[in-house]
Amino acid sequence: MKIVIPLALLVGLSGCVNVQPWQRGTLARADMQPVTDAAQAAFEDHTYFSKEASSGGRGFGGGGCGCN
């Protein structure tokens, strides 16, 4: 247990990186987007809605309070 918590913190913190302003152009490219095919995204949204009876939730706006 003594080694698990520090190891989990190390793994969790190693994923955080400061993105410099000159690197943001690379991240904004179309091939860096999580969804590149709009038709595939619409199909996956429809499938998710059909299974879960809810839609949305793929965006990054809002904090979960429903106030967007």
PDB file of N, CA and C in Angstrom:
ATOM      1  N   MET A   1       0.830  -1.190   0.000  1.00  0.00           N
ATOM      2  CA  MET A   1       0.000   0.000   0.000  1.00  0.00           C
ATOM      3  C   MET A   1       0.871   1.247   0.000  1.00  0.00           C
ATOM      4  N   LYS A   2       2.040   1.183   0.669  1.00  0.00           N
ATOM      5  CA  LYS A   2       2.908   2.350   0.727  1.00  0.00           C
ATOM      6  C   LYS A   2       3.451   2.725  -0.637  1.00  0.00           C
ATOM      7  N   ILE A   3       3.628   1.744  -1.490  1.00  0.00           N
ATOM      8  CA  ILE A   3       4.182   2.036  -2.813  1.00  0.00           C
ATOM      9  C   ILE A   3       3.097   2.330  -3.834  1.00  0.00           C
ATOM     10  N   VAL A   4       1.869   1.893  -3.592  1.00  0.00           N
ATOM     11  CA  VAL A   4       0.792   2.062  -4.566  1.00  0.00           C
ATOM     12  C   VAL A   4       0.396   3.532  -4.698  1.00  0.00           C
ATOM     13  N   ILE A   5       0.220   4.203  -3.597  1.00  0.00           N
ATOM     14  CA  ILE A   5      -0.231   5.598  -3.641  1.00  0.00           C
ATOM     15  C   ILE A   5       0.807   6.507  -4.303  1.00  0.00           C
ATOM     16  N   PRO A   6       2.086   6.440  -3.921  1.00  0.00           N
ATOM     17  CA  PRO A   6       3.066   7.281  -4.640  1.00  0.00           C
ATOM     18  C   PRO A   6       3.174   6.924  -6.113  1.00  0.00           C
ATOM     19  N   LEU A   7       3.060   5.636  -6.442  1.00  0.00           N
ATOM     20  CA  LEU A   7       3.112   5.230  -7.843  1.00  0.00           C
ATOM     21  C   LEU A   7       1.914   5.777  -8.605  1.00  0.00           C
ATOM     22  N   ALA A   8       0.730   5.744  -8.006  1.00  0.00           N
ATOM     23  CA  ALA A   8      -0.470   6.291  -8.658  1.00  0.00           C
ATOM     24  C   ALA A   8      -0.329   7.795  -8.854  1.00  0.00           C
ATOM     25  N   LEU A   9       0.227   8.496  -7.868  1.00  0.00           N
ATOM     26  CA  LEU A   9       0.444   9.941  -8.005  1.00  0.00           C
ATOM     27  C   LEU A   9       1.455  10.241  -9.112  1.00  0.00           C
ATOM     28  N   LEU A  10       2.506   9.456  -9.173  1.00  0.00           N
ATOM     29  CA  LEU A  10       3.528   9.658 -10.200  1.00  0.00           C
ATOM     30  C   LEU A  10       2.945   9.453 -11.592  1.00  0.00           C
ATOM     31  N   VAL A  11       2.160   8.411 -11.767  1.00  0.00           N
ATOM     32  CA  VAL A  11       1.544   8.142 -13.069  1.00  0.00           C
ATOM     33  C   VAL A  11       0.543   9.244 -13.413  1.00  0.00           C
ATOM     34  N   GLY A  12      -0.236   9.669 -12.421  1.00  0.00           N
ATOM     35  CA  GLY A  12      -1.238  10.711 -12.662  1.00  0.00           C
ATOM     36  C   GLY A  12      -0.623  12.052 -12.997  1.00  0.00           C
ATOM     37  N   LEU A  13       0.442  12.411 -12.318  1.00  0.00           N
ATOM     38  CA  LEU A  13       1.075  13.705 -12.558  1.00  0.00           C
ATOM     39  C   LEU A  13       1.932  13.725 -13.811  1.00  0.00           C
ATOM     40  N   SER A  14       2.382  12.558 -14.251  1.00  0.00           N
ATOM     41  CA  SER A  14       3.223  12.540 -15.449  1.00  0.00           C
ATOM     42  C   SER A  14       2.420  12.837 -16.707  1.00  0.00           C
ATOM     43  N   GLY A  15       1.102  12.763 -16.652  1.00  0.00           N
ATOM     44  CA  GLY A  15       0.271  13.062 -17.811  1.00  0.00           C
ATOM     45  C   GLY A  15       0.003  14.542 -17.979  1.00  0.00           C
ATOM     46  N   CYS A  16       0.390  15.371 -17.031  1.00  0.00           N
ATOM     47  CA  CYS A  16       0.146  16.804 -17.115  1.00  0.00           C
ATOM     48  C   CYS A  16       1.327  17.491 -17.792  1.00  0.00           C
ATOM     49  N   VAL A  17       1.025  18.253 -18.815  1.00  0.00           N
ATOM     50  CA  VAL A  17       2.062  18.957 -19.555  1.00  0.00           C
ATOM     51  C   VAL A  17       1.570  20.366 -19.843  1.00  0.00           C
ATOM     52  N   ASN A  18       2.423  21.340 -19.662  1.00  0.00           N
ATOM     53  CA  ASN A  18       2.088  22.702 -20.064  1.00  0.00           C
ATOM     54  C   ASN A  18       2.295  22.833 -21.561  1.00  0.00           C
ATOM     55  N   VAL A  19       1.272  23.287 -22.263  1.00  0.00           N
ATOM     56  CA  VAL A  19       1.356  23.469 -23.709  1.00  0.00           C
ATOM     57  C   VAL A  19       1.755  24.916 -23.969  1.00  0.00           C
ATOM     58  N   GLN A  20       2.847  25.075 -24.655  1.00  0.00           N
ATOM     59  CA  GLN A  20       3.322  26.409 -24.978  1.00  0.00           C
ATOM     60  C   GLN A  20       2.508  26.988 -26.135  1.00  0.00           C
ATOM     61  N   PRO A  21       2.444  28.318 -26.235  1.00  0.00           N
ATOM     62  CA  PRO A  21       1.631  28.928 -27.294  1.00  0.00           C
ATOM     63  C   PRO A  21       2.015  28.466 -28.698  1.00  0.00           C
ATOM     64  N   TRP A  22       3.285  28.242 -28.980  1.00  0.00           N
ATOM     65  CA  TRP A  22       3.701  27.819 -30.308  1.00  0.00           C
ATOM     66  C   TRP A  22       3.356  26.351 -30.588  1.00  0.00           C
ATOM     67  N   GLN A  23       3.006  25.598 -29.553  1.00  0.00           N
ATOM     68  CA  GLN A  23       2.616  24.205 -29.723  1.00  0.00           C
ATOM     69  C   GLN A  23       1.109  24.055 -29.956  1.00  0.00           C
ATOM     70  N   ARG A  24       0.355  25.089 -29.696  1.00  0.00           N
ATOM     71  CA  ARG A  24      -1.100  25.000 -29.826  1.00  0.00           C
ATOM     72  C   ARG A  24      -1.531  24.877 -31.276  1.00  0.00           C
ATOM     73  N   GLY A  25      -0.765  25.408 -32.195  1.00  0.00           N
ATOM     74  CA  GLY A  25      -1.080  25.263 -33.613  1.00  0.00           C
ATOM     75  C   GLY A  25      -1.052  23.809 -34.041  1.00  0.00           C
ATOM     76  N   THR A  26      -0.126  23.055 -33.516  1.00  0.00           N
ATOM     77  CA  THR A  26      -0.048  21.626 -33.821  1.00  0.00           C
ATOM     78  C   THR A  26      -1.255  20.894 -33.269  1.00  0.00           C
ATOM     79  N   LEU A  27      -1.659  21.259 -32.061  1.00  0.00           N
ATOM     80  CA  LEU A  27      -2.806  20.589 -31.449  1.00  0.00           C
ATOM     81  C   LEU A  27      -4.117  20.965 -32.118  1.00  0.00           C
ATOM     82  N   ALA A  28      -4.156  22.099 -32.830  1.00  0.00           N
ATOM     83  CA  ALA A  28      -5.383  22.547 -33.482  1.00  0.00           C
ATOM     84  C   ALA A  28      -5.566  21.950 -34.868  1.00  0.00           C
ATOM     85  N   ARG A  29      -4.584  21.228 -35.384  1.00  0.00           N
ATOM     86  CA  ARG A  29      -4.712  20.639 -36.713  1.00  0.00           C
ATOM     87  C   ARG A  29      -5.861  19.641 -36.736  1.00  0.00           C
ATOM     88  N   ALA A  30      -6.435  19.447 -37.933  1.00  0.00           N
ATOM     89  CA  ALA A  30      -7.586  18.559 -38.087  1.00  0.00           C
ATOM     90  C   ALA A  30      -7.245  17.123 -37.722  1.00  0.00           C
ATOM     91  N   ASP A  31      -6.014  16.694 -38.050  1.00  0.00           N
ATOM     92  CA  ASP A  31      -5.663  15.308 -37.737  1.00  0.00           C
ATOM     93  C   ASP A  31      -5.397  15.070 -36.257  1.00  0.00           C
ATOM     94  N   MET A  32      -5.358  16.117 -35.456  1.00  0.00           N
ATOM     95  CA  MET A  32      -5.166  15.971 -34.022  1.00  0.00           C
ATOM     96  C   MET A  32      -6.492  15.986 -33.262  1.00  0.00           C
ATOM     97  N   GLN A  33      -7.604  16.189 -33.958  1.00  0.00           N
ATOM     98  CA  GLN A  33      -8.903  16.236 -33.304  1.00  0.00           C
ATOM     99  C   GLN A  33      -9.342  14.826 -32.921  1.00  0.00           C
ATOM    100  N   PRO A  34     -10.074  14.683 -31.820  1.00  0.00           N
ATOM    101  CA  PRO A  34     -10.500  13.350 -31.406  1.00  0.00           C
ATOM    102  C   PRO A  34     -11.429  12.685 -32.415  1.00  0.00           C
ATOM    103  N   VAL A  35     -12.238  13.483 -33.116  1.00  0.00           N
ATOM    104  CA  VAL A  35     -13.144  12.944 -34.127  1.00  0.00           C
ATOM    105  C   VAL A  35     -12.857  13.674 -35.425  1.00  0.00           C
ATOM    106  N   THR A  36     -12.433  12.948 -36.454  1.00  0.00           N
ATOM    107  CA  THR A  36     -12.121  13.583 -37.734  1.00  0.00           C
ATOM    108  C   THR A  36     -13.227  13.372 -38.753  1.00  0.00           C
ATOM    109  N   ASP A  37     -14.042  12.365 -38.578  1.00  0.00           N
ATOM    110  CA  ASP A  37     -15.103  12.075 -39.527  1.00  0.00           C
ATOM    111  C   ASP A  37     -16.440  12.451 -38.901  1.00  0.00           C
ATOM    112  N   ALA A  38     -17.100  13.474 -39.455  1.00  0.00           N
ATOM    113  CA  ALA A  38     -18.359  13.948 -38.885  1.00  0.00           C
ATOM    114  C   ALA A  38     -19.454  12.897 -38.994  1.00  0.00           C
ATOM    115  N   ALA A  39     -19.476  12.141 -40.095  1.00  0.00           N
ATOM    116  CA  ALA A  39     -20.498  11.106 -40.261  1.00  0.00           C
ATOM    117  C   ALA A  39     -20.319  10.001 -39.219  1.00  0.00           C
ATOM    118  N   GLN A  40     -19.093   9.618 -38.975  1.00  0.00           N
ATOM    119  CA  GLN A  40     -18.826   8.582 -37.959  1.00  0.00           C
ATOM    120  C   GLN A  40     -19.217   9.095 -36.574  1.00  0.00           C
ATOM    121  N   ALA A  41     -18.941  10.366 -36.303  1.00  0.00           N
ATOM    122  CA  ALA A  41     -19.295  10.936 -35.006  1.00  0.00           C
ATOM    123  C   ALA A  41     -20.809  10.974 -34.828  1.00  0.00           C
ATOM    124  N   ALA A  42     -21.535  11.333 -35.904  1.00  0.00           N
ATOM    125  CA  ALA A  42     -22.996  11.357 -35.822  1.00  0.00           C
ATOM    126  C   ALA A  42     -23.546   9.953 -35.593  1.00  0.00           C
ATOM    127  N   PHE A  43     -22.963   8.971 -36.261  1.00  0.00           N
ATOM    128  CA  PHE A  43     -23.390   7.590 -36.072  1.00  0.00           C
ATOM    129  C   PHE A  43     -23.134   7.130 -34.634  1.00  0.00           C
ATOM    130  N   GLU A  44     -21.970   7.462 -34.100  1.00  0.00           N
ATOM    131  CA  GLU A  44     -21.663   7.074 -32.723  1.00  0.00           C
ATOM    132  C   GLU A  44     -22.558   7.795 -31.726  1.00  0.00           C
ATOM    133  N   ASP A  45     -22.889   9.063 -32.004  1.00  0.00           N
ATOM    134  CA  ASP A  45     -23.816   9.789 -31.134  1.00  0.00           C
ATOM    135  C   ASP A  45     -25.183   9.134 -31.142  1.00  0.00           C
ATOM    136  N   HIS A  46     -25.640   8.738 -32.328  1.00  0.00           N
ATOM    137  CA  HIS A  46     -26.952   8.091 -32.432  1.00  0.00           C
ATOM    138  C   HIS A  46     -26.948   6.758 -31.682  1.00  0.00           C
ATOM    139  N   THR A  47     -25.889   5.999 -31.826  1.00  0.00           N
ATOM    140  CA  THR A  47     -25.784   4.718 -31.125  1.00  0.00           C
ATOM    141  C   THR A  47     -25.770   4.935 -29.618  1.00  0.00           C
ATOM    142  N   TYR A  48     -25.010   5.928 -29.164  1.00  0.00           N
ATOM    143  CA  TYR A  48     -24.947   6.224 -27.734  1.00  0.00           C
ATOM    144  C   TYR A  48     -26.310   6.654 -27.221  1.00  0.00           C
ATOM    145  N   PHE A  49     -27.003   7.515 -28.005  1.00  0.00           N
ATOM    146  CA  PHE A  49     -28.328   7.974 -27.591  1.00  0.00           C
ATOM    147  C   PHE A  49     -29.290   6.805 -27.511  1.00  0.00           C
ATOM    148  N   SER A  50     -29.217   5.886 -28.483  1.00  0.00           N
ATOM    149  CA  SER A  50     -30.125   4.743 -28.503  1.00  0.00           C
ATOM    150  C   SER A  50     -29.885   3.811 -27.316  1.00  0.00           C
ATOM    151  N   LYS A  51     -28.652   3.672 -26.899  1.00  0.00           N
ATOM    152  CA  LYS A  51     -28.338   2.760 -25.799  1.00  0.00           C
ATOM    153  C   LYS A  51     -28.556   3.399 -24.438  1.00  0.00           C
ATOM    154  N   GLU A  52     -28.205   4.669 -24.312  1.00  0.00           N
ATOM    155  CA  GLU A  52     -28.210   5.299 -23.004  1.00  0.00           C
ATOM    156  C   GLU A  52     -29.383   6.243 -22.778  1.00  0.00           C
ATOM    157  N   ALA A  53     -30.172   6.511 -23.821  1.00  0.00           N
ATOM    158  CA  ALA A  53     -31.294   7.446 -23.735  1.00  0.00           C
ATOM    159  C   ALA A  53     -30.826   8.834 -23.306  1.00  0.00           C
ATOM    160  N   SER A  54     -29.632   9.205 -23.730  1.00  0.00           N
ATOM    161  CA  SER A  54     -29.133  10.544 -23.481  1.00  0.00           C
ATOM    162  C   SER A  54     -28.239  10.941 -24.646  1.00  0.00           C
ATOM    163  N   SER A  55     -28.050  12.209 -24.811  1.00  0.00           N
ATOM    164  CA  SER A  55     -27.193  12.677 -25.894  1.00  0.00           C
ATOM    165  C   SER A  55     -26.264  13.748 -25.367  1.00  0.00           C
ATOM    166  N   GLY A  56     -25.263  14.059 -26.167  1.00  0.00           N
ATOM    167  CA  GLY A  56     -24.300  15.090 -25.777  1.00  0.00           C
ATOM    168  C   GLY A  56     -23.236  14.529 -24.868  1.00  0.00           C
ATOM    169  N   GLY A  57     -22.533  15.391 -24.227  1.00  0.00           N
ATOM    170  CA  GLY A  57     -21.500  14.970 -23.304  1.00  0.00           C
ATOM    171  C   GLY A  57     -20.145  14.789 -23.955  1.00  0.00           C
ATOM    172  N   ARG A  58     -20.054  15.038 -25.247  1.00  0.00           N
ATOM    173  CA  ARG A  58     -18.760  14.891 -25.905  1.00  0.00           C
ATOM    174  C   ARG A  58     -17.975  16.197 -25.885  1.00  0.00           C
ATOM    175  N   GLY A  59     -18.643  17.280 -25.622  1.00  0.00           N
ATOM    176  CA  GLY A  59     -17.969  18.572 -25.632  1.00  0.00           C
ATOM    177  C   GLY A  59     -17.187  18.802 -24.360  1.00  0.00           C
ATOM    178  N   PHE A  60     -16.492  19.913 -24.323  1.00  0.00           N
ATOM    179  CA  PHE A  60     -15.676  20.232 -23.174  1.00  0.00           C
ATOM    180  C   PHE A  60     -16.229  21.414 -22.402  1.00  0.00           C
ATOM    181  N   GLY A  61     -17.349  21.960 -22.835  1.00  0.00           N
ATOM    182  CA  GLY A  61     -17.926  23.108 -22.163  1.00  0.00           C
ATOM    183  C   GLY A  61     -18.676  22.698 -20.910  1.00  0.00           C
ATOM    184  N   GLY A  62     -18.751  23.596 -19.987  1.00  0.00           N
ATOM    185  CA  GLY A  62     -19.501  23.340 -18.777  1.00  0.00           C
ATOM    186  C   GLY A  62     -18.743  22.466 -17.805  1.00  0.00           C
ATOM    187  N   GLY A  63     -19.239  22.407 -16.630  1.00  0.00           N
ATOM    188  CA  GLY A  63     -18.567  21.625 -15.613  1.00  0.00           C
ATOM    189  C   GLY A  63     -19.433  20.530 -15.043  1.00  0.00           C
ATOM    190  N   GLY A  64     -20.510  20.180 -15.736  1.00  0.00           N
ATOM    191  CA  GLY A  64     -21.368  19.132 -15.237  1.00  0.00           C
ATOM    192  C   GLY A  64     -22.537  19.642 -14.432  1.00  0.00           C
ATOM    193  N   CYS A  65     -22.627  20.965 -14.307  1.00  0.00           N
ATOM    194  CA  CYS A  65     -23.735  21.509 -13.540  1.00  0.00           C
ATOM    195  C   CYS A  65     -24.945  21.785 -14.416  1.00  0.00           C
ATOM    196  N   GLY A  66     -24.810  21.627 -15.728  1.00  0.00           N
ATOM    197  CA  GLY A  66     -25.912  21.864 -16.639  1.00  0.00           C
ATOM    198  C   GLY A  66     -26.063  23.317 -17.012  1.00  0.00           C
ATOM    199  N   CYS A  67     -25.138  24.168 -16.598  1.00  0.00           N
ATOM    200  CA  CYS A  67     -25.281  25.598 -16.860  1.00  0.00           C
ATOM    201  C   CYS A  67     -24.506  26.042 -18.104  1.00  0.00           C
ATOM    202  N   ASN A  68     -23.669  25.228 -18.671  1.00  0.00           N
ATOM    203  CA  ASN A  68     -22.892  25.534 -19.877  1.00  0.00           C
ATOM    204  C   ASN A  68     -22.495  26.981 -19.950  1.00  0.00           C
TER     205      ASN A  68
END
